[in-house]
Amino acid sequence: MAPQPAALPGGWAGSARGVMRVNLHLLRIFFAVAEQRSFSRAAQTLFISQPAVSRAVRELERQLDLPLLERDVGPSRAVRPTESGRALLEHARGIFALERAAVEDIRARVGLKRGALTVGASTTIAGYWLPPYVAAFMADLPAIDLEIQAANTRTVAQALIECRMDLALVEGQVDDPRILVTHWRDEPLSVIAHPRSALARKPRPTLADLNGQVWLTREPGSGTREVTERMTAACRIAPERQIIYGSNEGIARAVAGGLGIALLPTRVVAGLCTAGAVRAIPLPGGPLPLRPLYLLQLKERPLSPPARAFIETLEQPREMQ
């Protein structure tokens, strides 16, 4: 008979080959403290005493022979992970995300029609593309607790990696080996200007005309910022001046106010174009190519039943208002 692993203190097990298994109870307590940045708040979240939380973290540090948490210097005395603690925290996020997916899957298998789903989305997708899909999803699964979190592409991708989102839809390029990137759909783009500006009155502006304008653009990390830089470079446009705005709607309104010109998704500016507040202008090189939109999933994370159902909803054609 093969020899059995020898028991080690604190819930660890070892073998002749040195294999160890982490005590998930201790890991869960460490995870709560690191997320809450406080022993007392973690204790409240876990419904245990603060001394029990402190003992559990010390025991985990003893078993790993590594410091995992430290307190900030200053009056707040907030708790933060050490370098080793941050590495363990990333693994813990993945472990407990798998646990949540397993629970959702089991609930679905036993017929409990309930669950939760968090979908991240770039701001344009959240505001202009997702509403009909969300409406269809909730009509089919009204008991699912659905949350849509909007942010720029970089922020959404990081939240997905940290398992704070189940799925994501973005406008910008994402190049991370941990993320599965799938093309979802394409959207048209427009360069807009104030309708009474000299640029808007020209039948075909030149490169010099475009370069001399004030370009309004999004912050670094935004999909719209990325596509603006890529498209202007392809058209050999090199703006002399730029102003950064934190939202596409803010940019569109600033153009309507005569502040400059911008490259934006056509859906964002359609209402302003119809109202005559802004005008789409042609480019010297012809129409802009369509911009691809992407669905993001974490490769190593199994999809929960609500996530699978949401992807199925995204695959159906929807009438866009």
C-alpha atoms as a PDB file:
ATOM      1  CA  MET A   1       0.000   0.000   0.000  1.00  0.00           C
ATOM      2  CA  ALA A   2       1.299   3.456  -0.849  1.00  0.00           C
ATOM      3  CA  PRO A   3       2.312   5.533   2.186  1.00  0.00           C
ATOM      4  CA  GLN A   4      -0.242   8.163   3.240  1.00  0.00           C
ATOM      5  CA  PRO A   5       0.702  11.864   3.487  1.00  0.00           C
ATOM      6  CA  ALA A   6       1.819  12.866   6.934  1.00  0.00           C
ATOM      7  CA  ALA A   7      -0.344  15.402   8.701  1.00  0.00           C
ATOM      8  CA  LEU A   8       1.199  18.819   9.244  1.00  0.00           C
ATOM      9  CA  PRO A   9       0.076  21.491  11.707  1.00  0.00           C
ATOM     10  CA  GLY A  10      -2.677  23.909  10.738  1.00  0.00           C
ATOM     11  CA  GLY A  11      -4.339  21.861   8.032  1.00  0.00           C
ATOM     12  CA  TRP A  12      -1.391  21.342   5.708  1.00  0.00           C
ATOM     13  CA  ALA A  13      -0.474  17.893   4.386  1.00  0.00           C
ATOM     14  CA  GLY A  14       2.925  16.777   3.132  1.00  0.00           C
ATOM     15  CA  SER A  15       4.347  13.753   1.372  1.00  0.00           C
ATOM     16  CA  ALA A  16       7.722  12.300   0.593  1.00  0.00           C
ATOM     17  CA  ARG A  17       7.744  14.484  -2.505  1.00  0.00           C
ATOM     18  CA  GLY A  18       7.140  17.645  -0.507  1.00  0.00           C
ATOM     19  CA  VAL A  19       3.600  18.288  -1.790  1.00  0.00           C
ATOM     20  CA  MET A  20       1.603  20.744   0.323  1.00  0.00           C
ATOM     21  CA  ARG A  21      -2.058  21.709   0.300  1.00  0.00           C
ATOM     22  CA  VAL A  22      -3.188  25.067   1.580  1.00  0.00           C
ATOM     23  CA  ASN A  23      -5.813  25.336   4.288  1.00  0.00           C
ATOM     24  CA  LEU A  24      -8.653  27.069   2.453  1.00  0.00           C
ATOM     25  CA  HIS A  25     -10.185  28.319   5.690  1.00  0.00           C
ATOM     26  CA  LEU A  26      -7.035  30.287   6.504  1.00  0.00           C
ATOM     27  CA  LEU A  27      -6.754  31.450   2.902  1.00  0.00           C
ATOM     28  CA  ARG A  28     -10.342  32.720   2.950  1.00  0.00           C
ATOM     29  CA  ILE A  29      -9.656  34.770   6.079  1.00  0.00           C
ATOM     30  CA  PHE A  30      -6.452  36.230   4.589  1.00  0.00           C
ATOM     31  CA  PHE A  31      -8.386  37.037   1.393  1.00  0.00           C
ATOM     32  CA  ALA A  32     -11.056  38.915   3.361  1.00  0.00           C
ATOM     33  CA  VAL A  33      -8.457  40.966   5.276  1.00  0.00           C
ATOM     34  CA  ALA A  34      -6.534  41.830   2.093  1.00  0.00           C
ATOM     35  CA  GLU A  35      -9.714  42.819   0.258  1.00  0.00           C
ATOM     36  CA  GLN A  36     -11.162  44.837   3.146  1.00  0.00           C
ATOM     37  CA  ARG A  37      -7.742  46.275   4.138  1.00  0.00           C
ATOM     38  CA  SER A  38      -8.851  45.843   7.736  1.00  0.00           C
ATOM     39  CA  PHE A  39      -8.906  43.022  10.319  1.00  0.00           C
ATOM     40  CA  SER A  40     -12.062  44.372  11.942  1.00  0.00           C
ATOM     41  CA  ARG A  41     -14.008  44.745   8.684  1.00  0.00           C
ATOM     42  CA  ALA A  42     -12.918  41.262   7.626  1.00  0.00           C
ATOM     43  CA  ALA A  43     -14.160  39.882  10.939  1.00  0.00           C
ATOM     44  CA  GLN A  44     -17.550  41.528  10.379  1.00  0.00           C
ATOM     45  CA  THR A  45     -17.740  40.138   6.845  1.00  0.00           C
ATOM     46  CA  LEU A  46     -16.878  36.615   8.010  1.00  0.00           C
ATOM     47  CA  PHE A  47     -18.980  36.789  11.201  1.00  0.00           C
ATOM     48  CA  ILE A  48     -16.070  35.815  13.442  1.00  0.00           C
ATOM     49  CA  SER A  49     -14.098  37.681  16.092  1.00  0.00           C
ATOM     50  CA  GLN A  50     -11.209  39.979  15.242  1.00  0.00           C
ATOM     51  CA  PRO A  51      -8.755  37.954  17.403  1.00  0.00           C
ATOM     52  CA  ALA A  52      -9.722  34.841  15.425  1.00  0.00           C
ATOM     53  CA  VAL A  53      -8.957  36.695  12.188  1.00  0.00           C
ATOM     54  CA  SER A  54      -5.561  37.814  13.499  1.00  0.00           C
ATOM     55  CA  ARG A  55      -4.685  34.296  14.660  1.00  0.00           C
ATOM     56  CA  ALA A  56      -5.634  32.804  11.306  1.00  0.00           C
ATOM     57  CA  VAL A  57      -3.462  35.240   9.363  1.00  0.00           C
ATOM     58  CA  ARG A  58      -0.500  34.678  11.705  1.00  0.00           C
ATOM     59  CA  GLU A  59      -0.893  30.924  11.305  1.00  0.00           C
ATOM     60  CA  LEU A  60      -0.932  31.182   7.523  1.00  0.00           C
ATOM     61  CA  GLU A  61       2.179  33.374   7.613  1.00  0.00           C
ATOM     62  CA  ARG A  62       3.852  30.839   9.903  1.00  0.00           C
ATOM     63  CA  GLN A  63       3.041  27.953   7.627  1.00  0.00           C
ATOM     64  CA  LEU A  64       4.290  29.774   4.547  1.00  0.00           C
ATOM     65  CA  ASP A  65       7.208  31.337   6.413  1.00  0.00           C
ATOM     66  CA  LEU A  66       6.409  34.617   4.643  1.00  0.00           C
ATOM     67  CA  PRO A  67       4.982  37.966   5.772  1.00  0.00           C
ATOM     68  CA  LEU A  68       1.656  38.464   3.986  1.00  0.00           C
ATOM     69  CA  LEU A  69       0.249  41.675   5.457  1.00  0.00           C
ATOM     70  CA  GLU A  70       1.642  44.955   6.746  1.00  0.00           C
ATOM     71  CA  ARG A  71       0.131  48.148   8.118  1.00  0.00           C
ATOM     72  CA  ASP A  72       0.493  51.524   6.412  1.00  0.00           C
ATOM     73  CA  VAL A  73       2.418  54.163   8.281  1.00  0.00           C
ATOM     74  CA  GLY A  74       0.098  56.954   9.406  1.00  0.00           C
ATOM     75  CA  PRO A  75      -3.101  57.519  11.334  1.00  0.00           C
ATOM     76  CA  SER A  76      -5.247  55.204   9.164  1.00  0.00           C
ATOM     77  CA  ARG A  77      -3.112  52.116   9.917  1.00  0.00           C
ATOM     78  CA  ALA A  78      -4.780  50.434   6.932  1.00  0.00           C
ATOM     79  CA  VAL A  79      -3.694  46.874   6.179  1.00  0.00           C
ATOM     80  CA  ARG A  80      -2.156  46.060   2.810  1.00  0.00           C
ATOM     81  CA  PRO A  81      -0.577  42.935   1.331  1.00  0.00           C
ATOM     82  CA  THR A  82       3.184  42.594   1.093  1.00  0.00           C
ATOM     83  CA  GLU A  83       4.734  41.584  -2.224  1.00  0.00           C
ATOM     84  CA  SER A  84       4.269  37.924  -1.275  1.00  0.00           C
ATOM     85  CA  GLY A  85       0.768  38.709  -0.044  1.00  0.00           C
ATOM     86  CA  ARG A  86      -0.179  40.263  -3.382  1.00  0.00           C
ATOM     87  CA  ALA A  87       0.940  37.130  -5.197  1.00  0.00           C
ATOM     88  CA  LEU A  88      -1.117  34.939  -2.860  1.00  0.00           C
ATOM     89  CA  LEU A  89      -4.079  37.323  -3.183  1.00  0.00           C
ATOM     90  CA  GLU A  90      -4.131  36.919  -6.962  1.00  0.00           C
ATOM     91  CA  HIS A  91      -4.199  33.131  -6.602  1.00  0.00           C
ATOM     92  CA  ALA A  92      -6.917  33.396  -3.937  1.00  0.00           C
ATOM     93  CA  ARG A  93      -9.110  35.466  -6.252  1.00  0.00           C
ATOM     94  CA  GLY A  94      -8.909  32.738  -8.868  1.00  0.00           C
ATOM     95  CA  ILE A  95      -9.592  29.978  -6.339  1.00  0.00           C
ATOM     96  CA  PHE A  96     -12.689  31.639  -4.901  1.00  0.00           C
ATOM     97  CA  ALA A  97     -13.921  32.623  -8.373  1.00  0.00           C
ATOM     98  CA  LEU A  98     -13.789  28.930  -9.262  1.00  0.00           C
ATOM     99  CA  GLU A  99     -15.689  28.189  -6.082  1.00  0.00           C
ATOM    100  CA  ARG A 100     -18.421  30.684  -7.014  1.00  0.00           C
ATOM    101  CA  ALA A 101     -18.671  29.188 -10.503  1.00  0.00           C
ATOM    102  CA  ALA A 102     -19.014  25.714  -8.997  1.00  0.00           C
ATOM    103  CA  VAL A 103     -21.804  26.863  -6.666  1.00  0.00           C
ATOM    104  CA  GLU A 104     -23.675  28.546  -9.534  1.00  0.00           C
ATOM    105  CA  ASP A 105     -23.333  25.423 -11.646  1.00  0.00           C
ATOM    106  CA  ILE A 106     -24.654  23.173  -8.871  1.00  0.00           C
ATOM    107  CA  ARG A 107     -27.561  25.522  -8.211  1.00  0.00           C
ATOM    108  CA  ALA A 108     -28.492  25.419 -11.879  1.00  0.00           C
ATOM    109  CA  ARG A 109     -28.234  21.617 -11.953  1.00  0.00           C
ATOM    110  CA  VAL A 110     -30.622  21.200  -9.033  1.00  0.00           C
ATOM    111  CA  GLY A 111     -33.108  23.628 -10.573  1.00  0.00           C
ATOM    112  CA  LEU A 112     -32.545  26.698  -8.407  1.00  0.00           C
ATOM    113  CA  LYS A 113     -33.079  29.521 -10.878  1.00  0.00           C
ATOM    114  CA  ARG A 114     -31.001  32.116  -9.130  1.00  0.00           C
ATOM    115  CA  GLY A 115     -27.483  33.433  -9.296  1.00  0.00           C
ATOM    116  CA  ALA A 116     -25.387  36.522  -9.917  1.00  0.00           C
ATOM    117  CA  LEU A 117     -23.466  37.881 -12.877  1.00  0.00           C
ATOM    118  CA  THR A 118     -21.144  40.873 -13.187  1.00  0.00           C
ATOM    119  CA  VAL A 119     -20.395  42.106 -16.695  1.00  0.00           C
ATOM    120  CA  GLY A 120     -17.778  44.750 -17.356  1.00  0.00           C
ATOM    121  CA  ALA A 121     -18.070  46.992 -20.385  1.00  0.00           C
ATOM    122  CA  SER A 122     -16.315  49.914 -21.981  1.00  0.00           C
ATOM    123  CA  THR A 123     -18.374  53.065 -21.523  1.00  0.00           C
ATOM    124  CA  THR A 124     -19.659  53.236 -25.108  1.00  0.00           C
ATOM    125  CA  ILE A 125     -20.694  49.579 -25.122  1.00  0.00           C
ATOM    126  CA  ALA A 126     -22.381  49.903 -21.717  1.00  0.00           C
ATOM    127  CA  GLY A 127     -24.347  52.973 -22.761  1.00  0.00           C
ATOM    128  CA  TYR A 128     -25.127  52.337 -26.420  1.00  0.00           C
ATOM    129  CA  TRP A 129     -24.824  48.628 -27.301  1.00  0.00           C
ATOM    130  CA  LEU A 130     -25.709  46.578 -24.220  1.00  0.00           C
ATOM    131  CA  PRO A 131     -29.205  47.821 -23.216  1.00  0.00           C
ATOM    132  CA  PRO A 132     -31.247  45.635 -25.639  1.00  0.00           C
ATOM    133  CA  TYR A 133     -29.145  42.579 -24.775  1.00  0.00           C
ATOM    134  CA  VAL A 134     -29.536  43.227 -21.043  1.00  0.00           C
ATOM    135  CA  ALA A 135     -33.295  43.636 -21.492  1.00  0.00           C
ATOM    136  CA  ALA A 136     -33.529  40.317 -23.356  1.00  0.00           C
ATOM    137  CA  PHE A 137     -31.369  38.523 -20.773  1.00  0.00           C
ATOM    138  CA  MET A 138     -33.443  39.781 -17.834  1.00  0.00           C
ATOM    139  CA  ALA A 139     -36.693  38.902 -19.615  1.00  0.00           C
ATOM    140  CA  ASP A 140     -35.498  35.284 -19.854  1.00  0.00           C
ATOM    141  CA  LEU A 141     -33.810  35.106 -16.425  1.00  0.00           C
ATOM    142  CA  PRO A 142     -35.460  37.692 -14.148  1.00  0.00           C
ATOM    143  CA  ALA A 143     -34.120  36.063 -10.959  1.00  0.00           C
ATOM    144  CA  ILE A 144     -30.452  36.610 -11.873  1.00  0.00           C
ATOM    145  CA  ASP A 145     -28.753  39.480 -10.042  1.00  0.00           C
ATOM    146  CA  LEU A 146     -27.068  41.263 -12.939  1.00  0.00           C
ATOM    147  CA  GLU A 147     -24.570  44.102 -12.543  1.00  0.00           C
ATOM    148  CA  ILE A 148     -23.061  46.090 -15.419  1.00  0.00           C
ATOM    149  CA  GLN A 149     -19.841  47.919 -14.520  1.00  0.00           C
ATOM    150  CA  ALA A 150     -18.648  50.580 -16.981  1.00  0.00           C
ATOM    151  CA  ALA A 151     -15.029  51.731 -17.255  1.00  0.00           C
ATOM    152  CA  ASN A 152     -12.339  52.125 -19.893  1.00  0.00           C
ATOM    153  CA  THR A 153     -10.836  49.092 -21.608  1.00  0.00           C
ATOM    154  CA  ARG A 154      -7.698  48.898 -19.454  1.00  0.00           C
ATOM    155  CA  THR A 155      -9.656  49.064 -16.183  1.00  0.00           C
ATOM    156  CA  VAL A 156     -12.205  46.482 -17.315  1.00  0.00           C
ATOM    157  CA  ALA A 157      -9.513  44.024 -18.439  1.00  0.00           C
ATOM    158  CA  GLN A 158      -7.723  44.295 -15.082  1.00  0.00           C
ATOM    159  CA  ALA A 159     -10.963  43.729 -13.169  1.00  0.00           C
ATOM    160  CA  LEU A 160     -11.595  40.608 -15.242  1.00  0.00           C
ATOM    161  CA  ILE A 161      -8.118  39.285 -14.427  1.00  0.00           C
ATOM    162  CA  GLU A 162      -8.784  39.915 -10.729  1.00  0.00           C
ATOM    163  CA  CYS A 163     -12.083  37.979 -11.016  1.00  0.00           C
ATOM    164  CA  ARG A 164     -14.137  41.014 -10.041  1.00  0.00           C
ATOM    165  CA  MET A 165     -16.073  40.572 -13.286  1.00  0.00           C
ATOM    166  CA  ASP A 166     -17.369  37.411 -14.954  1.00  0.00           C
ATOM    167  CA  LEU A 167     -17.308  38.667 -18.553  1.00  0.00           C
ATOM    168  CA  ALA A 168     -16.348  41.878 -20.316  1.00  0.00           C
ATOM    169  CA  LEU A 169     -17.047  43.704 -23.559  1.00  0.00           C
ATOM    170  CA  VAL A 170     -14.509  46.274 -24.726  1.00  0.00           C
ATOM    171  CA  GLU A 171     -13.591  48.495 -27.656  1.00  0.00           C
ATOM    172  CA  GLY A 172      -9.809  48.472 -27.338  1.00  0.00           C
ATOM    173  CA  GLN A 173      -7.129  45.872 -28.002  1.00  0.00           C
ATOM    174  CA  VAL A 174      -6.349  43.538 -25.082  1.00  0.00           C
ATOM    175  CA  ASP A 175      -3.101  41.596 -25.254  1.00  0.00           C
ATOM    176  CA  ASP A 176      -2.869  39.432 -22.146  1.00  0.00           C
ATOM    177  CA  PRO A 177      -2.226  35.675 -22.266  1.00  0.00           C
ATOM    178  CA  ARG A 178      -4.683  35.132 -19.402  1.00  0.00           C
ATOM    179  CA  ILE A 179      -7.613  36.552 -21.376  1.00  0.00           C
ATOM    180  CA  LEU A 180      -9.571  34.913 -24.201  1.00  0.00           C
ATOM    181  CA  VAL A 181     -10.504  37.615 -26.726  1.00  0.00           C
ATOM    182  CA  THR A 182     -13.397  36.948 -29.149  1.00  0.00           C
ATOM    183  CA  HIS A 183     -14.703  39.315 -31.837  1.00  0.00           C
ATOM    184  CA  TRP A 184     -18.278  40.320 -31.000  1.00  0.00           C
ATOM    185  CA  ARG A 185     -19.357  42.930 -33.551  1.00  0.00           C
ATOM    186  CA  ASP A 186     -18.205  46.068 -35.407  1.00  0.00           C
ATOM    187  CA  GLU A 187     -19.227  49.688 -35.037  1.00  0.00           C
ATOM    188  CA  PRO A 188     -18.830  52.664 -37.405  1.00  0.00           C
ATOM    189  CA  LEU A 189     -16.865  55.781 -36.463  1.00  0.00           C
ATOM    190  CA  SER A 190     -17.217  59.452 -37.404  1.00  0.00           C
ATOM    191  CA  VAL A 191     -15.030  62.545 -37.256  1.00  0.00           C
ATOM    192  CA  ILE A 192     -17.212  65.423 -36.087  1.00  0.00           C
ATOM    193  CA  ALA A 193     -16.871  69.201 -36.032  1.00  0.00           C
ATOM    194  CA  HIS A 194     -19.055  72.181 -35.171  1.00  0.00           C
ATOM    195  CA  PRO A 195     -21.453  72.668 -38.124  1.00  0.00           C
ATOM    196  CA  ARG A 196     -20.559  76.342 -38.550  1.00  0.00           C
ATOM    197  CA  SER A 197     -16.801  75.816 -38.360  1.00  0.00           C
ATOM    198  CA  ALA A 198     -14.599  76.475 -41.393  1.00  0.00           C
ATOM    199  CA  LEU A 199     -13.614  72.789 -41.390  1.00  0.00           C
ATOM    200  CA  ALA A 200     -17.226  71.580 -41.599  1.00  0.00           C
ATOM    201  CA  ARG A 201     -17.950  73.873 -44.546  1.00  0.00           C
ATOM    202  CA  LYS A 202     -15.182  72.360 -46.684  1.00  0.00           C
ATOM    203  CA  PRO A 203     -16.261  69.595 -49.110  1.00  0.00           C
ATOM    204  CA  ARG A 204     -13.055  67.607 -48.463  1.00  0.00           C
ATOM    205  CA  PRO A 205     -10.685  68.853 -45.740  1.00  0.00           C
ATOM    206  CA  THR A 206      -6.957  68.379 -46.311  1.00  0.00           C
ATOM    207  CA  LEU A 207      -4.434  66.856 -43.927  1.00  0.00           C
ATOM    208  CA  ALA A 208      -3.203  70.353 -43.114  1.00  0.00           C
ATOM    209  CA  ASP A 209      -6.771  71.375 -42.222  1.00  0.00           C
ATOM    210  CA  LEU A 210      -7.147  68.417 -39.857  1.00  0.00           C
ATOM    211  CA  ASN A 211      -3.701  68.781 -38.285  1.00  0.00           C
ATOM    212  CA  GLY A 212      -4.393  72.402 -37.446  1.00  0.00           C
ATOM    213  CA  GLN A 213      -7.495  71.584 -35.394  1.00  0.00           C
ATOM    214  CA  VAL A 214      -7.777  71.032 -31.653  1.00  0.00           C
ATOM    215  CA  TRP A 215      -8.515  67.303 -31.274  1.00  0.00           C
ATOM    216  CA  LEU A 216     -10.564  66.174 -28.285  1.00  0.00           C
ATOM    217  CA  THR A 217      -9.656  62.669 -27.139  1.00  0.00           C
ATOM    218  CA  ARG A 218     -10.135  60.223 -24.290  1.00  0.00           C
ATOM    219  CA  GLU A 219      -7.652  59.320 -21.558  1.00  0.00           C
ATOM    220  CA  PRO A 220      -4.920  56.671 -22.008  1.00  0.00           C
ATOM    221  CA  GLY A 221      -6.397  53.195 -21.506  1.00  0.00           C
ATOM    222  CA  SER A 222      -9.629  54.075 -23.311  1.00  0.00           C
ATOM    223  CA  GLY A 223     -10.609  52.082 -26.387  1.00  0.00           C
ATOM    224  CA  THR A 224     -11.718  55.298 -28.092  1.00  0.00           C
ATOM    225  CA  ARG A 225      -8.309  56.868 -27.384  1.00  0.00           C
ATOM    226  CA  GLU A 226      -6.567  53.813 -28.811  1.00  0.00           C
ATOM    227  CA  VAL A 227      -8.635  53.766 -32.003  1.00  0.00           C
ATOM    228  CA  THR A 228      -8.217  57.541 -32.445  1.00  0.00           C
ATOM    229  CA  GLU A 229      -4.438  57.186 -32.321  1.00  0.00           C
ATOM    230  CA  ARG A 230      -4.488  54.202 -34.667  1.00  0.00           C
ATOM    231  CA  MET A 231      -6.850  55.766 -37.219  1.00  0.00           C
ATOM    232  CA  THR A 232      -5.161  59.165 -37.289  1.00  0.00           C
ATOM    233  CA  ALA A 233      -1.790  57.478 -37.767  1.00  0.00           C
ATOM    234  CA  ALA A 234      -3.186  55.401 -40.653  1.00  0.00           C
ATOM    235  CA  CYS A 235      -4.575  58.567 -42.263  1.00  0.00           C
ATOM    236  CA  ARG A 236      -1.234  60.357 -41.657  1.00  0.00           C
ATOM    237  CA  ILE A 237      -2.933  62.878 -39.388  1.00  0.00           C
ATOM    238  CA  ALA A 238      -0.692  64.404 -36.705  1.00  0.00           C
ATOM    239  CA  PRO A 239      -2.764  66.787 -34.541  1.00  0.00           C
ATOM    240  CA  GLU A 240      -0.865  69.808 -33.288  1.00  0.00           C
ATOM    241  CA  ARG A 241      -3.030  70.214 -30.171  1.00  0.00           C
ATOM    242  CA  GLN A 242      -5.116  67.816 -28.088  1.00  0.00           C
ATOM    243  CA  ILE A 243      -7.433  68.104 -25.098  1.00  0.00           C
ATOM    244  CA  ILE A 244      -8.226  65.036 -22.974  1.00  0.00           C
ATOM    245  CA  TYR A 245     -11.825  64.420 -21.861  1.00  0.00           C
ATOM    246  CA  GLY A 246     -12.990  61.634 -19.548  1.00  0.00           C
ATOM    247  CA  SER A 247     -16.078  60.571 -21.528  1.00  0.00           C
ATOM    248  CA  ASN A 248     -17.272  60.295 -25.107  1.00  0.00           C
ATOM    249  CA  GLU A 249     -20.435  62.241 -24.276  1.00  0.00           C
ATOM    250  CA  GLY A 250     -18.333  65.066 -22.834  1.00  0.00           C
ATOM    251  CA  ILE A 251     -16.236  65.159 -25.999  1.00  0.00           C
ATOM    252  CA  ALA A 252     -19.323  65.237 -28.222  1.00  0.00           C
ATOM    253  CA  ARG A 253     -20.821  68.118 -26.228  1.00  0.00           C
ATOM    254  CA  ALA A 254     -17.507  69.993 -26.323  1.00  0.00           C
ATOM    255  CA  VAL A 255     -17.427  69.671 -30.125  1.00  0.00           C
ATOM    256  CA  ALA A 256     -21.021  70.968 -30.220  1.00  0.00           C
ATOM    257  CA  GLY A 257     -19.774  73.922 -28.180  1.00  0.00           C
ATOM    258  CA  GLY A 258     -17.108  74.714 -30.774  1.00  0.00           C
ATOM    259  CA  LEU A 259     -14.091  73.560 -28.770  1.00  0.00           C
ATOM    260  CA  GLY A 260     -12.533  71.338 -31.463  1.00  0.00           C
ATOM    261  CA  ILE A 261     -13.021  68.129 -33.462  1.00  0.00           C
ATOM    262  CA  ALA A 262     -13.068  64.461 -32.451  1.00  0.00           C
ATOM    263  CA  LEU A 263     -13.230  60.880 -33.674  1.00  0.00           C
ATOM    264  CA  LEU A 264     -16.117  59.098 -31.930  1.00  0.00           C
ATOM    265  CA  PRO A 265     -18.416  56.102 -32.407  1.00  0.00           C
ATOM    266  CA  THR A 266     -21.223  57.077 -34.762  1.00  0.00           C
ATOM    267  CA  ARG A 267     -23.843  55.863 -32.271  1.00  0.00           C
ATOM    268  CA  VAL A 268     -22.582  58.368 -29.681  1.00  0.00           C
ATOM    269  CA  VAL A 269     -22.993  61.364 -31.985  1.00  0.00           C
ATOM    270  CA  ALA A 270     -26.059  60.276 -33.990  1.00  0.00           C
ATOM    271  CA  GLY A 271     -28.479  62.380 -31.944  1.00  0.00           C
ATOM    272  CA  LEU A 272     -26.302  65.492 -32.113  1.00  0.00           C
ATOM    273  CA  CYS A 273     -25.832  65.049 -35.873  1.00  0.00           C
ATOM    274  CA  THR A 274     -29.609  64.734 -36.380  1.00  0.00           C
ATOM    275  CA  ALA A 275     -30.158  67.864 -34.277  1.00  0.00           C
ATOM    276  CA  GLY A 276     -27.559  69.774 -36.291  1.00  0.00           C
ATOM    277  CA  ALA A 277     -25.363  70.375 -33.239  1.00  0.00           C
ATOM    278  CA  VAL A 278     -22.369  68.663 -34.871  1.00  0.00           C
ATOM    279  CA  ARG A 279     -21.514  67.549 -38.397  1.00  0.00           C
ATOM    280  CA  ALA A 280     -19.667  64.482 -39.613  1.00  0.00           C
ATOM    281  CA  ILE A 281     -16.808  65.505 -41.891  1.00  0.00           C
ATOM    282  CA  PRO A 282     -15.124  63.442 -44.616  1.00  0.00           C
ATOM    283  CA  LEU A 283     -11.461  62.452 -44.436  1.00  0.00           C
ATOM    284  CA  PRO A 284      -8.920  62.788 -47.247  1.00  0.00           C
ATOM    285  CA  GLY A 285      -8.352  59.020 -47.372  1.00  0.00           C
ATOM    286  CA  GLY A 286     -12.026  58.098 -47.581  1.00  0.00           C
ATOM    287  CA  PRO A 287     -14.379  56.466 -45.042  1.00  0.00           C
ATOM    288  CA  LEU A 288     -13.004  55.159 -41.769  1.00  0.00           C
ATOM    289  CA  PRO A 289     -12.885  51.373 -41.281  1.00  0.00           C
ATOM    290  CA  LEU A 290     -15.261  49.810 -38.771  1.00  0.00           C
ATOM    291  CA  ARG A 291     -14.025  49.377 -35.222  1.00  0.00           C
ATOM    292  CA  PRO A 292     -14.211  45.833 -33.787  1.00  0.00           C
ATOM    293  CA  LEU A 293     -15.753  45.218 -30.369  1.00  0.00           C
ATOM    294  CA  TYR A 294     -14.566  42.259 -28.294  1.00  0.00           C
ATOM    295  CA  LEU A 295     -15.897  39.803 -25.723  1.00  0.00           C
ATOM    296  CA  LEU A 296     -13.366  38.973 -22.992  1.00  0.00           C
ATOM    297  CA  GLN A 297     -13.246  35.860 -20.798  1.00  0.00           C
ATOM    298  CA  LEU A 298     -10.644  34.627 -18.336  1.00  0.00           C
ATOM    299  CA  LYS A 299      -9.102  31.515 -19.905  1.00  0.00           C
ATOM    300  CA  GLU A 300      -8.632  29.504 -16.703  1.00  0.00           C
ATOM    301  CA  ARG A 301     -12.037  30.356 -15.241  1.00  0.00           C
ATOM    302  CA  PRO A 302     -15.007  28.102 -16.055  1.00  0.00           C
ATOM    303  CA  LEU A 303     -18.141  29.967 -17.075  1.00  0.00           C
ATOM    304  CA  SER A 304     -21.034  29.935 -14.634  1.00  0.00           C
ATOM    305  CA  PRO A 305     -24.507  29.137 -16.037  1.00  0.00           C
ATOM    306  CA  PRO A 306     -25.549  32.838 -15.974  1.00  0.00           C
ATOM    307  CA  ALA A 307     -22.364  33.756 -17.863  1.00  0.00           C
ATOM    308  CA  ARG A 308     -23.049  31.102 -20.500  1.00  0.00           C
ATOM    309  CA  ALA A 309     -26.626  32.351 -20.830  1.00  0.00           C
ATOM    310  CA  PHE A 310     -25.435  35.938 -21.237  1.00  0.00           C
ATOM    311  CA  ILE A 311     -23.015  34.946 -24.009  1.00  0.00           C
ATOM    312  CA  GLU A 312     -25.856  33.127 -25.768  1.00  0.00           C
ATOM    313  CA  THR A 313     -27.900  36.344 -25.542  1.00  0.00           C
ATOM    314  CA  LEU A 314     -25.013  38.347 -27.031  1.00  0.00           C
ATOM    315  CA  GLU A 315     -24.902  35.956 -29.994  1.00  0.00           C
ATOM    316  CA  GLN A 316     -28.499  36.784 -30.976  1.00  0.00           C
ATOM    317  CA  PRO A 317     -29.204  39.758 -33.296  1.00  0.00           C
ATOM    318  CA  ARG A 318     -30.905  42.646 -31.538  1.00  0.00           C
ATOM    319  CA  GLU A 319     -32.700  45.689 -32.885  1.00  0.00           C
ATOM    320  CA  MET A 320     -30.615  48.726 -31.923  1.00  0.00           C
ATOM    321  CA  GLN A 321     -32.630  51.843 -31.174  1.00  0.00           C
END
